[in-house]
N, C-alpha and C. Protein backbone atom coordinates (compact mmCIF):
# COMPACT_ATOMS: atom_id res chain seq x y z
N UNK A 1 -18.06 -4.71 -38.38
CA UNK A 1 -17.98 -5.71 -39.43
C UNK A 1 -16.57 -5.73 -40.01
N UNK A 2 -16.04 -6.91 -40.23
CA UNK A 2 -14.69 -7.02 -40.75
C UNK A 2 -14.67 -6.77 -42.26
N UNK A 3 -13.52 -6.31 -42.72
CA UNK A 3 -13.34 -5.97 -44.13
C UNK A 3 -12.36 -6.95 -44.76
N UNK A 4 -12.64 -7.34 -45.96
CA UNK A 4 -11.81 -8.33 -46.65
C UNK A 4 -10.55 -7.69 -47.24
N UNK A 5 -9.55 -8.55 -47.49
CA UNK A 5 -8.27 -8.10 -48.03
C UNK A 5 -8.15 -8.59 -49.47
N UNK A 6 -7.84 -7.68 -50.38
CA UNK A 6 -7.67 -8.04 -51.79
C UNK A 6 -6.41 -8.88 -51.96
N UNK A 7 -6.55 -10.01 -52.62
CA UNK A 7 -5.40 -10.84 -52.97
C UNK A 7 -4.81 -10.34 -54.28
N UNK A 8 -5.64 -10.15 -55.26
CA UNK A 8 -5.23 -9.48 -56.50
C UNK A 8 -6.44 -8.85 -57.17
N UNK A 9 -6.17 -7.73 -57.86
CA UNK A 9 -7.26 -7.04 -58.55
C UNK A 9 -6.89 -6.69 -59.99
N UNK A 10 -5.80 -7.30 -60.48
CA UNK A 10 -5.39 -7.16 -61.87
C UNK A 10 -5.15 -8.54 -62.46
N UNK A 11 -5.44 -8.72 -63.71
CA UNK A 11 -5.12 -9.96 -64.42
C UNK A 11 -4.51 -9.57 -65.76
N UNK A 12 -3.30 -10.03 -66.01
CA UNK A 12 -2.60 -9.71 -67.26
C UNK A 12 -2.53 -8.20 -67.50
N UNK A 13 -2.31 -7.45 -66.43
CA UNK A 13 -2.16 -6.00 -66.52
C UNK A 13 -3.46 -5.23 -66.64
N UNK A 14 -4.59 -5.91 -66.57
CA UNK A 14 -5.89 -5.24 -66.71
C UNK A 14 -6.61 -5.27 -65.36
N UNK A 15 -7.08 -4.09 -64.92
CA UNK A 15 -7.81 -4.00 -63.65
C UNK A 15 -9.12 -4.78 -63.77
N UNK A 16 -9.37 -5.63 -62.78
CA UNK A 16 -10.58 -6.45 -62.77
C UNK A 16 -11.79 -5.66 -62.29
N UNK A 17 -12.97 -6.04 -62.76
CA UNK A 17 -14.21 -5.47 -62.25
C UNK A 17 -14.36 -5.90 -60.79
N UNK A 18 -15.09 -5.15 -60.00
CA UNK A 18 -15.22 -5.42 -58.56
C UNK A 18 -15.64 -6.86 -58.28
N UNK A 19 -16.58 -7.39 -59.05
CA UNK A 19 -17.07 -8.75 -58.80
C UNK A 19 -16.05 -9.83 -59.20
N UNK A 20 -14.96 -9.46 -59.89
CA UNK A 20 -13.93 -10.41 -60.29
C UNK A 20 -12.71 -10.38 -59.36
N UNK A 21 -12.65 -9.41 -58.47
CA UNK A 21 -11.52 -9.27 -57.55
C UNK A 21 -11.46 -10.49 -56.63
N UNK A 22 -10.25 -10.97 -56.39
CA UNK A 22 -10.04 -12.11 -55.50
C UNK A 22 -9.62 -11.61 -54.12
N UNK A 23 -10.28 -12.10 -53.08
CA UNK A 23 -9.86 -11.79 -51.72
C UNK A 23 -9.15 -13.01 -51.14
N UNK A 24 -8.42 -12.80 -50.06
CA UNK A 24 -7.64 -13.89 -49.47
C UNK A 24 -8.51 -15.02 -48.94
N UNK A 25 -9.73 -14.71 -48.50
CA UNK A 25 -10.59 -15.76 -47.93
C UNK A 25 -11.55 -16.35 -48.96
N UNK A 26 -11.57 -15.79 -50.17
CA UNK A 26 -12.44 -16.30 -51.21
C UNK A 26 -13.78 -15.59 -51.31
N UNK A 27 -14.02 -14.59 -50.47
CA UNK A 27 -15.27 -13.81 -50.52
C UNK A 27 -15.38 -13.12 -51.87
N UNK A 28 -16.55 -13.15 -52.46
CA UNK A 28 -16.81 -12.44 -53.72
C UNK A 28 -17.36 -11.06 -53.37
N UNK A 29 -16.53 -10.01 -53.49
CA UNK A 29 -16.98 -8.68 -53.09
C UNK A 29 -18.08 -8.12 -53.97
N UNK A 30 -18.96 -7.37 -53.34
CA UNK A 30 -20.03 -6.66 -54.04
C UNK A 30 -19.52 -5.27 -54.39
N UNK A 31 -20.24 -4.58 -55.24
CA UNK A 31 -19.82 -3.26 -55.71
C UNK A 31 -19.58 -2.29 -54.56
N UNK A 32 -20.41 -2.33 -53.53
CA UNK A 32 -20.32 -1.35 -52.45
C UNK A 32 -19.39 -1.76 -51.30
N UNK A 33 -18.77 -2.94 -51.38
CA UNK A 33 -17.89 -3.41 -50.30
C UNK A 33 -16.63 -2.56 -50.19
N UNK A 34 -16.27 -2.24 -48.95
CA UNK A 34 -15.00 -1.58 -48.68
C UNK A 34 -13.98 -2.69 -48.48
N UNK A 35 -12.82 -2.59 -49.15
CA UNK A 35 -11.80 -3.63 -49.08
C UNK A 35 -10.44 -3.04 -48.74
N UNK A 36 -9.63 -3.81 -48.01
CA UNK A 36 -8.23 -3.45 -47.83
C UNK A 36 -7.53 -3.70 -49.16
N UNK A 37 -6.66 -2.80 -49.58
CA UNK A 37 -6.00 -2.93 -50.88
C UNK A 37 -5.03 -4.10 -50.95
N UNK A 38 -4.44 -4.46 -49.81
CA UNK A 38 -3.52 -5.59 -49.76
C UNK A 38 -3.23 -5.90 -48.29
N UNK A 39 -2.40 -6.93 -48.06
CA UNK A 39 -2.09 -7.34 -46.68
C UNK A 39 -1.37 -6.24 -45.91
N UNK A 40 -0.48 -5.52 -46.58
CA UNK A 40 0.25 -4.44 -45.91
C UNK A 40 -0.73 -3.37 -45.42
N UNK A 41 -1.70 -3.02 -46.22
CA UNK A 41 -2.72 -2.03 -45.85
C UNK A 41 -3.48 -2.50 -44.60
N UNK A 42 -3.84 -3.79 -44.57
CA UNK A 42 -4.57 -4.34 -43.42
C UNK A 42 -3.72 -4.33 -42.16
N UNK A 43 -2.46 -4.73 -42.28
CA UNK A 43 -1.57 -4.76 -41.11
C UNK A 43 -1.29 -3.36 -40.59
N UNK A 44 -1.12 -2.40 -41.48
CA UNK A 44 -0.92 -1.02 -41.06
C UNK A 44 -2.15 -0.51 -40.31
N UNK A 45 -3.32 -0.88 -40.77
CA UNK A 45 -4.56 -0.48 -40.13
C UNK A 45 -4.64 -1.02 -38.70
N UNK A 46 -4.25 -2.29 -38.54
CA UNK A 46 -4.24 -2.91 -37.20
C UNK A 46 -3.26 -2.16 -36.31
N UNK A 47 -2.06 -1.92 -36.84
CA UNK A 47 -1.00 -1.25 -36.07
C UNK A 47 -1.43 0.15 -35.62
N UNK A 48 -2.18 0.85 -36.46
CA UNK A 48 -2.61 2.22 -36.16
C UNK A 48 -3.89 2.27 -35.32
N UNK A 49 -4.49 1.11 -35.02
CA UNK A 49 -5.69 1.08 -34.20
C UNK A 49 -6.94 1.56 -34.93
N UNK A 50 -6.98 1.36 -36.23
CA UNK A 50 -8.12 1.79 -37.04
C UNK A 50 -9.40 1.06 -36.64
N UNK A 51 -10.53 1.68 -36.92
CA UNK A 51 -11.82 1.04 -36.67
C UNK A 51 -12.14 0.00 -37.74
N UNK A 52 -11.45 0.06 -38.88
CA UNK A 52 -11.63 -0.93 -39.95
C UNK A 52 -10.85 -2.18 -39.57
N UNK A 53 -11.55 -3.28 -39.34
CA UNK A 53 -10.92 -4.52 -38.88
C UNK A 53 -10.87 -5.52 -40.04
N UNK A 54 -9.67 -6.09 -40.31
CA UNK A 54 -9.57 -7.09 -41.38
C UNK A 54 -10.31 -8.38 -41.04
N UNK A 55 -10.82 -9.03 -42.06
CA UNK A 55 -11.48 -10.33 -41.94
C UNK A 55 -10.49 -11.35 -41.36
N UNK A 56 -10.91 -12.09 -40.34
CA UNK A 56 -10.03 -13.08 -39.71
C UNK A 56 -9.63 -14.19 -40.67
N UNK A 57 -10.54 -14.58 -41.56
CA UNK A 57 -10.22 -15.63 -42.54
C UNK A 57 -9.18 -15.12 -43.54
N UNK A 58 -9.29 -13.86 -43.93
CA UNK A 58 -8.29 -13.28 -44.83
C UNK A 58 -6.92 -13.24 -44.15
N UNK A 59 -6.89 -12.78 -42.90
CA UNK A 59 -5.62 -12.72 -42.17
C UNK A 59 -5.01 -14.11 -42.01
N UNK A 60 -5.83 -15.10 -41.71
CA UNK A 60 -5.35 -16.47 -41.56
C UNK A 60 -4.73 -16.96 -42.86
N UNK A 61 -5.37 -16.67 -43.99
CA UNK A 61 -4.85 -17.09 -45.30
C UNK A 61 -3.53 -16.41 -45.62
N UNK A 62 -3.39 -15.13 -45.28
CA UNK A 62 -2.14 -14.40 -45.51
C UNK A 62 -1.03 -15.02 -44.68
N UNK A 63 -1.30 -15.27 -43.40
CA UNK A 63 -0.30 -15.85 -42.50
C UNK A 63 0.10 -17.25 -42.96
N UNK A 64 -0.87 -18.05 -43.34
CA UNK A 64 -0.59 -19.41 -43.81
C UNK A 64 0.33 -19.37 -45.03
N UNK A 65 0.04 -18.49 -45.96
CA UNK A 65 0.86 -18.36 -47.16
C UNK A 65 2.27 -17.91 -46.81
N UNK A 66 2.40 -16.95 -45.90
CA UNK A 66 3.71 -16.47 -45.48
C UNK A 66 4.52 -17.57 -44.80
N UNK A 67 3.87 -18.42 -44.04
CA UNK A 67 4.57 -19.50 -43.34
C UNK A 67 5.04 -20.59 -44.30
N UNK A 68 4.45 -20.69 -45.47
CA UNK A 68 4.84 -21.70 -46.45
C UNK A 68 6.10 -21.33 -47.22
N UNK A 69 6.52 -20.07 -47.12
CA UNK A 69 7.73 -19.62 -47.81
C UNK A 69 8.95 -20.27 -47.16
N UNK A 70 9.80 -20.86 -48.00
CA UNK A 70 10.99 -21.54 -47.47
C UNK A 70 12.24 -20.84 -47.87
């Protein structure tokens, strides 16, 4: 099963509750969900051949955002 990537987990310097965390694909995480802390964490996991696989929709959103940078 793929794992989602956190887009942000703080708002105005305050750590968000698990159900308020935003993922790159828009998934609303549950309390028990395992999540990648950020895109770098997910990419490092791929590079190292980890069994934890990032969500394809999350990866697509990260790549799309990176390509929009001018």
